[in-house]
Amino acid sequence: MKIASPPRLLRRTAPLRDSGLVEFAAEDMDAYPILHDTVREFAGENTPADQTIYRYASYRELLGLLSRLQNRMRAEEANAIRCRFKQTDGKPGGSSSASSAEGSSESFSSEWEWLSGLFGSVGGRSVSDYILHRHFTTYLQPVVQPDGTIAGYECLLRPLPEQQPFRPAELFETARSIGQHSFLDREAREAAVNFSASHLPQGMKRFINFLPSSLISPDRCLNGTFETIRSSGTDPRDLVFEVVETERLDHPELSRIFNLCREQGVLLALDDVGDGYATLETVERLKPDYVKMDRQWVSGCDRDPVKQAYIKKLLDRASRYHGVVLAEGVEREEEWRYLREAGVPLYQGYLFGKAAPVPL
C-alpha cells in the first residue's frame, strides 16, 4: 500500500495493546519486500502480496514480529514504513483475510506512527528481544530488622553476566518510549516471582517493583502474575508489590489494582515516599502495607532536625492504619542507630548489602 499523502504522525505515549490489528503502509516501496516477507512468516505463506493488516492474538506475537523487523531492516527502511493499531478482543486467527482487513481498516485509529518509533535498543540488543527471551536476571538486596536479621529482599532486574552491561532504568525508559513497558514490567515481575521462589524460604518477604500505569486492563494483565504465583508455590502473603516513584499515584485505576492484589493476598508498598508523587497525603489515601521512605530523608538523618521531623510525621501517618515504614538508602551506622531509636522497623541500603545474584 502506498500512502498518497504523508499522514499525521503519532508520538507514542500509551502502552501497546496485548492483542489487536496492526496496519502497515510504505512510503518507499523498496522497503516493502522485507516488510511483506516478514509479516508472511508470522501470518502464513498464503498471505496476499497486497496484505497490509496483521492480526496478533498476544503481545508475544507482536513483539516477535517487531523484533524480526528491527533485526532485518536498516534505519532508512524502517523510516519509510508507517503503522497504526486497532484493539480487538484478542481472539486468535492469524492475519485477517483481505475482505475482513478492508472492513477492519475503517475502525483504525486515524493516527499513524513510524515503524522505527516502535524500535528501541539498549546494550546492543533490541528491547523486544529482552522481553521475548527474558535476557535479564534478578538480583536480591536485603531488607533488615532492628536486630540486623533479614526480613526480606527487594528483587531487582539486572543484566545477565554474559551480556553487555546496561542500566535497568534505561531499559525501562526506552521500553516506555516505544510503548513496550507494560510487557517488560509483566515479564520482569513474573521472572522475579519465579526467581525468589527458588532462592528464598517461605516467610521471607519479596519486594517486587510494579508499574500500575502499564496495566491497560488490570484483570487481564495481572492474571498471568497471579498464575505465576500459584504455579511457583509462593505464598502470596510473602510478596510485596512496590509502586515505584515514577508512577502517577492519582492513576484512576490504582485503587482497583490495589484491591485486585489484596484479594489475592499480595501486599503493597509505596516506593520513594517523600519524593515526587509519593507524598504523606498519598500514603494516607492509599494506605499501603509498607511505606518505603526515600533516601533523601535517610541520608544524614542523625544530624538533621528537618529530616528527623519528617521521619516522625511519616511514622505517625503510617501508624494510623498500621502501615510499616522501611528506610531506604541506609549507608552509615549513625543513620541506622537514629532510625532504630526513632522507631523505624525496617531498613535497606549498602550498609546491609548491595544487590547480589544470591541471598545472604
Protein backbone atom coordinates (compact mmCIF):
# COMPACT_ATOMS: atom_id res chain seq x y z
CA MET A 1 0.00 0.00 0.00
CA LYS A 2 1.42 3.38 -0.99
CA ILE A 3 0.37 6.35 1.13
CA ALA A 4 -1.00 9.10 -1.09
CA SER A 5 -0.06 11.91 1.29
CA PRO A 6 2.05 11.97 4.46
CA PRO A 7 -0.15 11.02 7.44
CA ARG A 8 -0.25 12.82 10.74
CA LEU A 9 2.35 11.15 12.93
CA LEU A 10 1.72 9.97 16.46
CA ARG A 11 4.33 10.22 19.18
CA ARG A 12 3.60 7.13 21.26
CA THR A 13 2.71 7.83 24.89
CA ALA A 14 0.45 4.85 25.66
CA PRO A 15 1.41 1.18 26.01
CA LEU A 16 0.92 -1.14 23.06
CA ARG A 17 -2.06 -3.47 23.46
CA ASP A 18 -1.94 -7.17 24.23
CA SER A 19 -3.88 -8.03 21.07
CA GLY A 20 -5.24 -6.29 18.04
CA LEU A 21 -4.59 -5.39 14.43
CA VAL A 22 -1.62 -3.51 13.04
CA GLU A 23 -1.77 -1.95 9.58
CA PHE A 24 1.40 -1.13 7.66
CA ALA A 25 1.95 1.36 4.86
CA ALA A 26 5.10 2.03 2.84
CA GLU A 27 6.17 5.43 1.55
CA ASP A 28 9.13 3.85 -0.21
CA MET A 29 8.20 0.64 -1.99
CA ASP A 30 11.84 -0.52 -1.84
CA ALA A 31 11.21 -1.23 1.86
CA TYR A 32 8.04 -3.21 1.21
CA PRO A 33 9.53 -6.63 0.29
CA ILE A 34 11.23 -7.04 3.68
CA LEU A 35 8.04 -5.96 5.44
CA HIS A 36 5.82 -8.32 3.47
CA ASP A 37 8.17 -11.31 3.74
CA THR A 38 8.48 -10.88 7.50
CA VAL A 39 4.74 -10.45 8.03
CA ARG A 40 4.09 -13.51 5.88
CA GLU A 41 6.34 -15.61 8.17
CA PHE A 42 4.03 -14.74 11.05
CA ALA A 43 0.68 -14.60 9.25
CA GLY A 44 1.12 -17.57 6.91
CA GLU A 45 2.54 -18.39 3.49
CA ASN A 46 -0.80 -17.69 1.79
CA THR A 47 -0.77 -14.03 2.80
CA PRO A 48 -1.65 -11.97 -0.32
CA ALA A 49 1.09 -9.76 -1.71
CA ASP A 50 -1.03 -6.66 -1.05
CA GLN A 51 -1.98 -7.68 2.51
CA THR A 52 -1.20 -4.77 4.84
CA ILE A 53 -3.01 -5.76 8.06
CA TYR A 54 -1.70 -8.28 10.57
CA ARG A 55 -3.73 -9.65 13.48
CA TYR A 56 -1.86 -10.58 16.66
CA ALA A 57 -3.54 -12.50 19.48
CA SER A 58 -0.91 -11.86 22.16
CA TYR A 59 1.79 -9.35 22.93
CA ARG A 60 4.42 -12.04 22.38
CA GLU A 61 3.24 -12.39 18.77
CA LEU A 62 3.53 -8.64 18.27
CA LEU A 63 6.97 -8.49 19.88
CA GLY A 64 8.14 -11.40 17.75
CA LEU A 65 7.15 -9.51 14.62
CA LEU A 66 8.70 -6.23 15.78
CA SER A 67 11.90 -7.98 16.84
CA ARG A 68 12.25 -9.68 13.46
CA LEU A 69 11.58 -6.43 11.59
CA GLN A 70 14.07 -4.48 13.70
CA ASN A 71 16.78 -7.09 13.16
CA ARG A 72 16.21 -7.18 9.39
CA MET A 73 15.58 -3.56 8.45
CA ARG A 74 18.06 -0.77 8.00
CA ALA A 75 17.17 2.51 9.68
CA GLU A 76 16.20 4.18 6.40
CA GLU A 77 13.86 1.29 5.57
CA ALA A 78 12.13 1.45 8.97
CA ASN A 79 11.75 5.20 8.49
CA ALA A 80 9.87 4.54 5.25
CA ILE A 81 7.23 2.34 6.92
CA ARG A 82 4.28 3.66 8.88
CA CYS A 83 1.81 1.74 11.01
CA ARG A 84 -1.33 2.17 13.08
CA PHE A 85 -3.15 -0.05 15.56
CA LYS A 86 -6.64 -1.20 16.38
CA GLN A 87 -7.58 -3.01 19.58
CA THR A 88 -9.54 -6.27 19.24
CA ASP A 89 -10.88 -8.91 21.60
CA GLY A 90 -7.68 -10.93 21.31
CA LYS A 91 -9.24 -13.99 19.64
CA PRO A 92 -6.71 -16.00 17.65
CA GLY A 93 -6.88 -16.27 13.92
CA GLY A 94 -3.64 -15.04 12.38
CA SER A 95 -3.74 -12.43 9.67
CA SER A 96 -7.08 -11.03 8.58
CA SER A 97 -8.42 -12.04 5.21
CA ALA A 98 -8.29 -9.38 2.54
CA SER A 99 -12.02 -8.69 2.79
CA SER A 100 -12.13 -8.52 6.56
CA ALA A 101 -8.98 -6.40 6.56
CA GLU A 102 -10.69 -3.80 4.42
CA GLY A 103 -13.67 -3.74 6.77
CA SER A 104 -11.48 -3.51 9.84
CA SER A 105 -9.46 -0.64 8.42
CA GLU A 106 -12.41 1.71 8.82
CA SER A 107 -12.18 1.38 12.61
CA PHE A 108 -8.44 2.00 12.86
CA SER A 109 -7.12 5.00 14.70
CA SER A 110 -6.50 7.90 12.34
CA GLU A 111 -3.08 8.27 13.94
CA TRP A 112 -0.13 6.79 12.08
CA GLU A 113 3.36 6.40 13.51
CA TRP A 114 6.76 5.50 12.15
CA LEU A 115 7.62 1.82 12.43
CA SER A 116 11.06 2.94 13.60
CA GLY A 117 9.33 4.59 16.58
CA LEU A 118 8.50 1.09 17.86
CA PHE A 119 12.14 0.03 17.73
CA GLY A 120 14.48 0.55 20.67
CA SER A 121 17.84 -0.86 21.70
CA VAL A 122 19.77 -0.97 24.96
CA GLY A 123 23.15 -2.59 25.46
CA GLY A 124 23.36 -3.71 21.85
CA ARG A 125 20.08 -5.66 21.92
CA SER A 126 16.51 -4.76 20.94
CA VAL A 127 14.04 -4.11 23.73
CA SER A 128 11.68 -6.61 22.10
CA ASP A 129 14.37 -9.30 22.41
CA TYR A 130 14.93 -8.51 26.10
CA ILE A 131 11.24 -9.01 26.77
CA LEU A 132 10.61 -12.00 24.50
CA HIS A 133 13.56 -14.04 25.73
CA ARG A 134 13.95 -12.56 29.22
CA HIS A 135 17.52 -11.51 28.56
CA PHE A 136 17.87 -10.32 32.15
CA THR A 137 18.13 -11.80 35.61
CA THR A 138 17.02 -10.94 39.15
CA TYR A 139 19.30 -9.70 41.92
CA LEU A 140 18.38 -9.55 45.60
CA GLN A 141 19.05 -6.73 48.09
CA PRO A 142 18.41 -7.46 51.78
CA VAL A 143 15.84 -5.73 53.98
CA VAL A 144 16.74 -5.97 57.67
CA GLN A 145 15.12 -5.59 61.08
CA PRO A 146 16.42 -3.61 64.10
CA ASP A 147 18.50 -6.57 65.33
CA GLY A 148 20.12 -6.97 61.90
CA THR A 149 18.26 -10.14 60.90
CA ILE A 150 16.95 -10.31 57.34
CA ALA A 151 13.20 -9.84 56.92
CA GLY A 152 13.15 -9.99 53.12
CA TYR A 153 14.74 -8.92 49.86
CA GLU A 154 13.97 -6.46 47.10
CA CYS A 155 14.04 -8.16 43.68
CA LEU A 156 15.84 -6.02 41.11
CA LEU A 157 16.21 -6.51 37.35
CA ARG A 158 19.85 -6.77 36.26
CA PRO A 159 21.80 -7.75 33.09
CA LEU A 160 22.83 -11.36 32.65
CA PRO A 161 26.54 -11.85 33.50
CA GLU A 162 27.44 -12.77 29.91
CA GLN A 163 25.68 -9.73 28.43
CA GLN A 164 26.88 -6.26 27.61
CA PRO A 165 26.10 -4.18 30.73
CA PHE A 166 23.12 -1.82 30.71
CA ARG A 167 21.33 0.39 33.19
CA PRO A 168 17.96 -1.15 34.18
CA ALA A 169 16.44 2.34 34.32
CA GLU A 170 17.50 2.91 30.70
CA LEU A 171 15.84 -0.34 29.63
CA PHE A 172 12.54 0.67 31.26
CA GLU A 173 12.76 4.24 29.94
CA THR A 174 13.38 3.00 26.40
CA ALA A 175 10.58 0.44 26.67
CA ARG A 176 8.21 3.20 27.81
CA SER A 177 9.17 5.45 24.89
CA ILE A 178 8.22 2.73 22.37
CA GLY A 179 5.09 1.50 24.15
CA GLN A 180 6.58 -1.76 25.44
CA HIS A 181 6.95 -1.02 29.17
CA SER A 182 3.75 -2.90 30.02
CA PHE A 183 5.22 -6.07 28.54
CA LEU A 184 8.63 -5.55 30.19
CA ASP A 185 7.04 -4.85 33.57
CA ARG A 186 4.99 -8.04 33.34
CA GLU A 187 7.88 -10.28 32.28
CA ALA A 188 10.22 -8.80 34.91
CA ARG A 189 7.60 -9.20 37.64
CA GLU A 190 6.87 -12.84 36.77
CA ALA A 191 10.59 -13.60 36.46
CA ALA A 192 11.15 -12.13 39.94
CA VAL A 193 8.35 -14.25 41.41
CA ASN A 194 9.90 -17.43 39.98
CA PHE A 195 13.45 -16.46 40.94
CA SER A 196 12.55 -15.63 44.53
CA ALA A 197 10.52 -18.85 44.82
CA SER A 198 13.61 -20.89 44.00
CA HIS A 199 16.03 -18.88 46.19
CA LEU A 200 14.12 -17.75 49.29
CA PRO A 201 12.38 -19.70 52.07
CA GLN A 202 8.71 -19.37 52.86
CA GLY A 203 8.02 -16.47 55.18
CA MET A 204 10.74 -14.28 53.63
CA LYS A 205 9.25 -11.12 52.11
CA ARG A 206 9.96 -10.40 48.42
CA PHE A 207 9.62 -6.74 47.32
CA ILE A 208 8.97 -6.51 43.55
CA ASN A 209 8.67 -3.29 41.54
CA PHE A 210 5.33 -2.69 39.89
CA LEU A 211 4.09 -0.19 37.25
CA PRO A 212 0.30 0.17 37.64
CA SER A 213 0.05 2.63 34.75
CA SER A 214 1.27 -0.11 32.39
CA LEU A 215 -1.85 -2.18 33.10
CA ILE A 216 -4.31 -1.19 30.38
CA SER A 217 -6.65 -3.97 31.51
CA PRO A 218 -5.73 -4.75 35.15
CA ASP A 219 -7.64 -8.04 35.38
CA ARG A 220 -6.12 -9.40 32.20
CA CYS A 221 -2.59 -8.09 32.80
CA LEU A 222 -2.44 -9.37 36.39
CA ASN A 223 -3.90 -12.80 35.67
CA GLY A 224 -0.55 -14.02 34.38
CA THR A 225 1.20 -12.76 37.50
CA PHE A 226 -1.30 -14.43 39.81
CA GLU A 227 -0.98 -17.68 37.85
CA THR A 228 2.81 -17.47 38.18
CA ILE A 229 2.44 -17.02 41.93
CA ARG A 230 0.27 -20.12 42.16
CA SER A 231 2.44 -22.28 39.90
CA SER A 232 5.63 -21.26 41.73
CA GLY A 233 4.17 -22.36 45.07
CA THR A 234 4.73 -18.90 46.55
CA ASP A 235 2.56 -17.79 49.45
CA PRO A 236 1.02 -14.51 48.16
CA ARG A 237 1.47 -13.02 51.64
CA ASP A 238 5.25 -13.21 51.11
CA LEU A 239 5.00 -10.88 48.10
CA VAL A 240 5.06 -7.08 48.29
CA PHE A 241 4.43 -5.21 45.04
CA GLU A 242 6.14 -1.81 45.09
CA VAL A 243 4.57 1.09 43.22
CA VAL A 244 7.64 2.95 42.00
CA GLU A 245 8.14 6.68 42.46
CA THR A 246 7.93 7.50 38.75
CA GLU A 247 4.29 6.40 38.67
CA ARG A 248 1.49 8.93 38.91
CA LEU A 249 -0.33 7.96 42.07
CA ASP A 250 -3.60 9.59 41.01
CA HIS A 251 -3.98 6.97 38.28
CA PRO A 252 -7.75 6.30 38.09
CA GLU A 253 -7.34 2.50 38.21
CA LEU A 254 -4.85 2.47 41.09
CA SER A 255 -7.33 1.75 43.89
CA ARG A 256 -8.86 -1.05 41.82
CA ILE A 257 -5.40 -2.50 41.13
CA PHE A 258 -4.62 -2.39 44.86
CA ASN A 259 -7.89 -4.22 45.56
CA LEU A 260 -7.16 -6.91 42.94
CA CYS A 261 -3.76 -7.58 44.52
CA ARG A 262 -5.15 -7.63 48.04
CA GLU A 263 -7.90 -10.06 47.03
CA GLN A 264 -5.12 -12.46 46.03
CA GLY A 265 -3.29 -11.91 49.33
CA VAL A 266 -0.46 -9.84 47.82
CA LEU A 267 0.82 -6.93 49.96
CA LEU A 268 1.58 -3.46 48.59
CA ALA A 269 4.22 -0.80 49.12
CA LEU A 270 4.78 2.78 48.03
CA ASP A 271 8.38 3.33 46.96
CA ASP A 272 10.45 6.50 47.50
CA VAL A 273 7.89 8.17 49.77
CA GLY A 274 8.84 11.78 50.29
CA ASP A 275 9.83 12.36 46.68
CA GLY A 276 7.83 13.04 43.51
CA TYR A 277 4.25 11.75 43.56
CA ALA A 278 4.64 9.75 46.78
CA THR A 279 3.62 12.28 49.45
CA LEU A 280 2.37 11.95 53.02
CA GLU A 281 -1.14 12.63 51.73
CA THR A 282 -0.80 9.80 49.22
CA VAL A 283 0.25 7.44 52.00
CA GLU A 284 -2.88 8.28 53.94
CA ARG A 285 -5.11 7.93 50.86
CA LEU A 286 -3.78 4.60 49.55
CA LYS A 287 -2.79 3.03 52.89
CA PRO A 288 -0.03 0.76 51.55
CA ASP A 289 1.11 -2.11 53.76
CA TYR A 290 4.71 -0.85 53.51
CA VAL A 291 5.93 2.73 53.19
CA LYS A 292 9.44 2.94 51.72
CA MET A 293 10.98 6.25 52.80
CA ASP A 294 13.08 7.94 50.13
CA ARG A 295 16.82 8.06 50.77
CA GLN A 296 16.85 11.88 50.70
CA TRP A 297 15.28 11.76 54.19
CA VAL A 298 17.58 8.98 55.38
CA SER A 299 20.97 10.34 54.32
CA GLY A 300 22.39 12.27 57.28
CA CYS A 301 19.15 11.92 59.29
CA ASP A 302 21.17 11.50 62.51
CA ARG A 303 22.27 15.14 62.35
CA ASP A 304 19.47 16.95 60.50
CA PRO A 305 16.46 18.20 62.54
CA VAL A 306 14.37 18.81 59.39
CA LYS A 307 14.77 15.20 58.28
CA GLN A 308 14.08 13.96 61.79
CA ALA A 309 10.82 15.93 61.89
CA TYR A 310 9.75 14.44 58.54
CA ILE A 311 10.54 10.91 59.71
CA LYS A 312 8.35 11.41 62.78
CA LYS A 313 5.49 12.67 60.59
CA LEU A 314 5.79 9.68 58.28
CA LEU A 315 5.82 7.23 61.19
CA ASP A 316 2.72 8.94 62.58
CA ARG A 317 0.83 8.77 59.26
CA ALA A 318 1.68 5.10 58.75
CA SER A 319 0.78 4.17 62.33
CA ARG A 320 -2.78 5.47 61.82
CA TYR A 321 -3.57 2.42 59.69
CA HIS A 322 -0.79 0.04 60.89
CA GLY A 323 1.49 0.60 57.89
CA VAL A 324 5.14 -0.44 58.18
CA VAL A 325 7.86 2.14 57.38
CA LEU A 326 11.02 0.96 55.61
CA ALA A 327 14.02 3.32 55.36
CA GLU A 328 15.88 3.13 52.02
CA GLY A 329 19.49 4.07 51.31
CA VAL A 330 20.95 3.48 54.79
CA GLU A 331 24.74 3.73 54.41
CA ARG A 332 26.09 4.76 57.82
CA GLU A 333 25.90 3.16 61.27
CA GLU A 334 24.89 6.54 62.73
CA GLU A 335 21.88 6.74 60.41
CA TRP A 336 20.81 3.22 61.35
CA ARG A 337 21.17 3.98 65.06
CA TYR A 338 18.98 7.08 64.79
CA LEU A 339 16.34 5.28 62.72
CA ARG A 340 16.15 2.47 65.27
CA GLU A 341 15.75 4.94 68.11
CA ALA A 342 13.06 6.84 66.14
CA GLY A 343 11.04 3.64 65.77
CA VAL A 344 11.56 2.80 62.09
CA PRO A 345 11.20 -1.02 61.93
CA LEU A 346 12.82 -1.95 58.58
CA TYR A 347 15.92 -0.81 56.67
CA GLN A 348 17.59 -1.27 53.30
CA GLY A 349 20.86 0.06 51.91
CA TYR A 350 24.53 -0.55 51.22
CA LEU A 351 25.22 -0.77 54.96
CA PHE A 352 23.50 -4.16 54.90
CA GLY A 353 24.48 -5.31 51.42
CA LYS A 354 24.28 -4.45 47.74
CA ALA A 355 22.02 -6.27 45.30
CA ALA A 356 23.54 -9.67 44.52
CA PRO A 357 22.65 -12.77 42.45
CA VAL A 358 22.20 -14.91 45.56
CA PRO A 359 20.70 -14.17 49.00
CA LEU A 360 22.94 -13.56 52.03
